[in-house]
Amino acid sequence: MRRNSRFTLAIAGFAAAVLLAVAGGLLLWGSTYVHNTVQNQLAAQQIYFPPQAAFAHPKAGTEITPSMIPSVSQYAGQQMLTGQQAEAYADHFIAVHIAEIGGGKTYSQLSALSMAQPNNTALAGQVATVFKGETLRSMLLNAYGWWKVSQIAYIAAIIAFALGGLVLLTSLASLTVGEHPEILHEVIDGTPVTHI
């Protein structure tokens, strides 16, 4: 009876290990697919960060502002290929310029003003520029979001493989322990005595 229950638990453990291995494989495949897709899409855009020399003299109101030094300058001269780069470019480069163009107003606020002043061509130009900037920014942040999903899926795959391995080892151990009679080790007067 005891042996049968051990055998049943071992079979259940093997099944769980197989399921975890399959889940880990699917998560790893999904992570790789999303990672490669995001990287290929970003590479196709041919977006490059400003060169290192551009960060030498940051000044408010210019291409490089002081706020860009800690976040954007680390990628100076590089082509945008990763989610982290896309997030930095979207939130710390494009967003800064959009805020400057619109005087801190959002696209919807500028658009409402432009509709109220249909003859104001300068304002209409601002609206068009801010719209383009916000569109690119949202696309880059979308790429960043999927990049994070690929990282989370990769971590989940590693955890699934580790748990699968642990369950497999536990199942194997329960089978081998079940094959041997129980052995009790005892020490009497400094001499080891074994009881079977």
Foldseek 3Di string as FASTA:
>chain_A
DVLVVLLVLLVVLLVLLVVLLVLLVVLLVLLVVLLVVLQVVQVVVFDFAAALVVQPDAPPPDQHHPQLVVQQNVRHGHRDRALSNLLSCLPPRLVSVLCVLVVNDALVVLVVVCVVVVPPVSSVVNSVVSVVSVVSSVVSNVSSVSNVSSVVSNVSSVVSNVVSVVSNVVSVVSNVVSVDDDKDWDADPNRIDIDD
